[in-house]
N, C-alpha and C. Protein backbone atom coordinates (compact mmCIF):
# COMPACT_ATOMS: atom_id res chain seq x y z
N MET A 1 97.58 107.96 108.88
CA MET A 1 98.78 107.80 109.68
C MET A 1 99.90 107.24 108.80
N HIS A 2 101.05 107.84 108.88
CA HIS A 2 102.20 107.45 108.06
C HIS A 2 103.03 106.41 108.81
N GLU A 3 103.33 105.33 108.14
CA GLU A 3 104.13 104.26 108.73
C GLU A 3 105.61 104.56 108.55
N VAL A 4 106.38 104.41 109.61
CA VAL A 4 107.83 104.61 109.55
C VAL A 4 108.41 103.58 108.56
N HIS A 5 109.34 104.02 107.71
CA HIS A 5 109.90 103.18 106.66
C HIS A 5 110.43 101.85 107.20
N GLU A 6 111.19 101.88 108.27
CA GLU A 6 111.77 100.65 108.83
C GLU A 6 110.68 99.69 109.32
N HIS A 7 109.61 100.25 109.89
CA HIS A 7 108.49 99.41 110.34
C HIS A 7 107.76 98.78 109.15
N ARG A 8 107.63 99.57 108.10
CA ARG A 8 106.98 99.06 106.89
C ARG A 8 107.78 97.91 106.31
N LEU A 9 109.09 98.06 106.23
CA LEU A 9 109.93 96.98 105.72
C LEU A 9 109.78 95.72 106.56
N LYS A 10 109.82 95.86 107.86
CA LYS A 10 109.68 94.69 108.74
C LYS A 10 108.32 94.03 108.58
N ARG A 11 107.26 94.84 108.48
CA ARG A 11 105.92 94.30 108.31
C ARG A 11 105.82 93.53 106.99
N LEU A 12 106.34 94.10 105.92
CA LEU A 12 106.28 93.42 104.62
C LEU A 12 107.14 92.17 104.60
N GLN A 13 108.27 92.18 105.28
CA GLN A 13 109.11 90.99 105.37
C GLN A 13 108.38 89.88 106.13
N MET A 14 107.69 90.25 107.20
CA MET A 14 106.93 89.25 107.96
C MET A 14 105.78 88.68 107.12
N ARG A 15 105.08 89.56 106.40
CA ARG A 15 103.99 89.08 105.54
C ARG A 15 104.51 88.19 104.42
N SER A 16 105.73 88.42 104.00
CA SER A 16 106.34 87.60 102.95
C SER A 16 106.68 86.21 103.47
N MET A 17 106.99 86.11 104.74
CA MET A 17 107.42 84.84 105.34
C MET A 17 106.25 83.97 105.78
N ARG A 18 105.10 84.54 105.99
CA ARG A 18 103.97 83.81 106.57
C ARG A 18 102.79 83.82 105.62
N ARG A 19 102.95 83.12 104.52
CA ARG A 19 101.97 83.16 103.44
C ARG A 19 100.90 82.09 103.56
N GLY A 20 101.28 80.90 103.92
CA GLY A 20 100.32 79.80 103.94
C GLY A 20 100.76 78.66 103.04
N ILE A 21 101.40 78.98 101.94
CA ILE A 21 101.98 77.98 101.05
C ILE A 21 103.50 78.06 101.25
N LYS A 22 104.09 76.96 101.64
CA LYS A 22 105.52 76.95 101.98
C LYS A 22 106.39 77.49 100.85
N GLU A 23 106.07 77.11 99.62
CA GLU A 23 106.86 77.58 98.47
C GLU A 23 106.85 79.10 98.40
N MET A 24 105.68 79.71 98.62
CA MET A 24 105.59 81.16 98.57
C MET A 24 106.30 81.79 99.77
N ASP A 25 106.27 81.13 100.92
CA ASP A 25 107.04 81.61 102.08
C ASP A 25 108.51 81.73 101.70
N LEU A 26 109.04 80.69 101.09
CA LEU A 26 110.46 80.66 100.74
C LEU A 26 110.80 81.68 99.65
N ILE A 27 109.99 81.71 98.61
CA ILE A 27 110.25 82.61 97.48
C ILE A 27 110.14 84.07 97.91
N LEU A 28 109.04 84.41 98.57
CA LEU A 28 108.81 85.81 98.90
C LEU A 28 109.67 86.30 100.05
N SER A 29 110.02 85.44 100.99
CA SER A 29 110.90 85.89 102.07
C SER A 29 112.30 86.18 101.52
N ALA A 30 112.77 85.36 100.58
CA ALA A 30 114.07 85.63 99.96
C ALA A 30 114.01 86.90 99.13
N TYR A 31 112.92 87.09 98.40
CA TYR A 31 112.75 88.30 97.60
C TYR A 31 112.72 89.54 98.50
N ALA A 32 111.94 89.46 99.56
CA ALA A 32 111.81 90.61 100.47
C ALA A 32 113.15 90.99 101.07
N GLU A 33 113.92 90.01 101.46
CA GLU A 33 115.23 90.28 102.05
C GLU A 33 116.17 90.93 101.04
N ALA A 34 116.12 90.44 99.81
CA ALA A 34 117.04 90.93 98.79
C ALA A 34 116.63 92.26 98.18
N ARG A 35 115.33 92.50 98.00
CA ARG A 35 114.89 93.63 97.19
C ARG A 35 114.18 94.76 97.94
N LEU A 36 113.45 94.45 98.99
CA LEU A 36 112.64 95.49 99.63
C LEU A 36 113.45 96.67 100.16
N PRO A 37 114.63 96.45 100.75
CA PRO A 37 115.36 97.62 101.27
C PRO A 37 115.70 98.66 100.21
N GLN A 38 115.78 98.28 98.94
CA GLN A 38 116.11 99.23 97.88
C GLN A 38 114.88 99.84 97.22
N MET A 39 113.69 99.36 97.55
CA MET A 39 112.47 99.84 96.90
C MET A 39 112.06 101.21 97.42
N ASP A 40 111.50 102.01 96.52
CA ASP A 40 110.93 103.28 96.92
C ASP A 40 109.51 103.05 97.46
N ASP A 41 108.86 104.12 97.90
CA ASP A 41 107.53 103.99 98.49
C ASP A 41 106.52 103.40 97.51
N ALA A 42 106.58 103.80 96.25
CA ALA A 42 105.64 103.27 95.26
C ALA A 42 105.84 101.77 95.07
N GLY A 43 107.09 101.32 95.04
CA GLY A 43 107.38 99.90 94.90
C GLY A 43 106.89 99.11 96.10
N LEU A 44 107.10 99.66 97.29
CA LEU A 44 106.64 98.99 98.51
C LEU A 44 105.12 98.92 98.55
N THR A 45 104.46 99.97 98.10
CA THR A 45 103.00 99.97 98.06
C THR A 45 102.48 98.91 97.11
N LEU A 46 103.08 98.80 95.94
CA LEU A 46 102.67 97.79 94.97
C LEU A 46 102.92 96.39 95.53
N TYR A 47 104.06 96.17 96.15
CA TYR A 47 104.36 94.87 96.75
C TYR A 47 103.34 94.54 97.84
N ASP A 48 103.03 95.52 98.67
CA ASP A 48 102.04 95.35 99.73
C ASP A 48 100.69 94.94 99.14
N GLN A 49 100.29 95.59 98.07
CA GLN A 49 99.03 95.25 97.40
C GLN A 49 99.07 93.83 96.85
N MET A 50 100.19 93.47 96.25
CA MET A 50 100.31 92.12 95.68
C MET A 50 100.20 91.05 96.77
N LEU A 51 100.71 91.35 97.96
CA LEU A 51 100.63 90.38 99.05
C LEU A 51 99.19 90.11 99.48
N ASN A 52 98.26 90.95 99.09
CA ASN A 52 96.85 90.72 99.39
C ASN A 52 96.21 89.72 98.44
N GLU A 53 96.91 89.37 97.38
CA GLU A 53 96.39 88.41 96.40
C GLU A 53 96.47 86.99 96.98
N ASN A 54 95.67 86.12 96.40
CA ASN A 54 95.62 84.72 96.81
C ASN A 54 96.96 84.03 96.56
N ASP A 55 97.41 83.24 97.52
CA ASP A 55 98.69 82.53 97.39
C ASP A 55 98.75 81.62 96.18
N HIS A 56 97.67 80.95 95.88
CA HIS A 56 97.67 80.05 94.72
C HIS A 56 97.88 80.84 93.43
N ASP A 57 97.24 82.00 93.35
CA ASP A 57 97.44 82.85 92.17
C ASP A 57 98.88 83.34 92.11
N LEU A 58 99.40 83.80 93.24
CA LEU A 58 100.79 84.27 93.28
C LEU A 58 101.74 83.17 92.82
N TYR A 59 101.53 81.96 93.28
CA TYR A 59 102.41 80.86 92.89
C TYR A 59 102.33 80.61 91.38
N LEU A 60 101.13 80.63 90.84
CA LEU A 60 100.97 80.42 89.39
C LEU A 60 101.69 81.51 88.61
N TRP A 61 101.61 82.76 89.08
CA TRP A 61 102.28 83.87 88.39
C TRP A 61 103.79 83.73 88.46
N VAL A 62 104.29 83.47 89.67
CA VAL A 62 105.74 83.40 89.87
C VAL A 62 106.34 82.19 89.15
N SER A 63 105.60 81.10 89.12
CA SER A 63 106.11 79.89 88.47
C SER A 63 105.92 79.92 86.95
N GLY A 64 105.23 80.94 86.45
CA GLY A 64 105.03 81.06 85.01
C GLY A 64 103.89 80.22 84.47
N GLN A 65 103.08 79.64 85.34
CA GLN A 65 101.96 78.82 84.91
C GLN A 65 100.75 79.65 84.50
N ALA A 66 100.75 80.92 84.91
CA ALA A 66 99.68 81.85 84.53
C ALA A 66 100.28 83.24 84.43
N ASP A 67 99.68 84.08 83.62
CA ASP A 67 100.14 85.45 83.48
C ASP A 67 99.67 86.28 84.67
N ALA A 68 100.57 87.08 85.18
CA ALA A 68 100.21 88.00 86.26
C ALA A 68 99.39 89.14 85.68
N PRO A 69 98.49 89.72 86.48
CA PRO A 69 97.79 90.92 86.01
C PRO A 69 98.80 92.00 85.63
N ALA A 70 98.42 92.84 84.70
CA ALA A 70 99.34 93.87 84.18
C ALA A 70 99.96 94.71 85.29
N GLU A 71 99.19 95.03 86.33
CA GLU A 71 99.72 95.88 87.39
C GLU A 71 100.86 95.22 88.17
N TYR A 72 100.92 93.89 88.16
CA TYR A 72 101.96 93.17 88.89
C TYR A 72 103.01 92.53 87.98
N ALA A 73 102.85 92.65 86.68
CA ALA A 73 103.71 91.93 85.74
C ALA A 73 105.20 92.22 85.96
N ALA A 74 105.58 93.48 86.08
CA ALA A 74 106.99 93.82 86.26
C ALA A 74 107.50 93.32 87.61
N LEU A 75 106.69 93.40 88.63
CA LEU A 75 107.08 92.93 89.96
C LEU A 75 107.27 91.42 89.95
N VAL A 76 106.36 90.70 89.34
CA VAL A 76 106.48 89.24 89.25
C VAL A 76 107.72 88.86 88.44
N THR A 77 107.99 89.59 87.38
CA THR A 77 109.21 89.35 86.60
C THR A 77 110.44 89.55 87.47
N ASP A 78 110.44 90.57 88.31
CA ASP A 78 111.56 90.82 89.21
C ASP A 78 111.69 89.70 90.23
N ILE A 79 110.58 89.21 90.73
CA ILE A 79 110.60 88.08 91.69
C ILE A 79 111.21 86.85 91.02
N ARG A 80 110.78 86.57 89.79
CA ARG A 80 111.36 85.44 89.04
C ARG A 80 112.87 85.63 88.85
N GLY A 81 113.26 86.84 88.51
CA GLY A 81 114.70 87.13 88.30
C GLY A 81 115.50 86.93 89.57
N GLN A 82 114.97 87.40 90.69
CA GLN A 82 115.66 87.23 91.96
C GLN A 82 115.75 85.76 92.32
N LEU A 83 114.71 85.00 92.04
CA LEU A 83 114.70 83.57 92.30
C LEU A 83 115.77 82.86 91.45
N ALA A 84 115.89 83.25 90.20
CA ALA A 84 116.90 82.67 89.32
C ALA A 84 118.31 83.03 89.83
N GLU A 85 118.51 84.27 90.27
CA GLU A 85 119.79 84.68 90.83
C GLU A 85 120.16 83.85 92.06
N ALA A 86 119.17 83.63 92.90
CA ALA A 86 119.41 82.88 94.14
C ALA A 86 119.76 81.42 93.86
N ARG A 87 119.22 80.89 92.76
CA ARG A 87 119.50 79.49 92.42
C ARG A 87 120.89 79.33 91.81
N GLY A 88 121.46 80.46 91.38
CA GLY A 88 122.83 80.39 90.95
C GLY A 88 123.10 80.51 89.54
């Protein structure tokens, strides 16, 4: 079954906001709002897969305390860049 693009965006935005670790809620909800609407299907699929990863691991990757797996490296770099942009 194919998910309607707008529904997929809303679902991913909700998953970004309700992570379990407040820091990841804030980081990923801001990222989702800023970047997801411009992503193609492949980008959304990769982001969706990354959201299945453990929050503690995601935080370590985004904060630079650990290297992200190769499949997520570019996405994590983009999240870091968006976070830096948002900070000013």
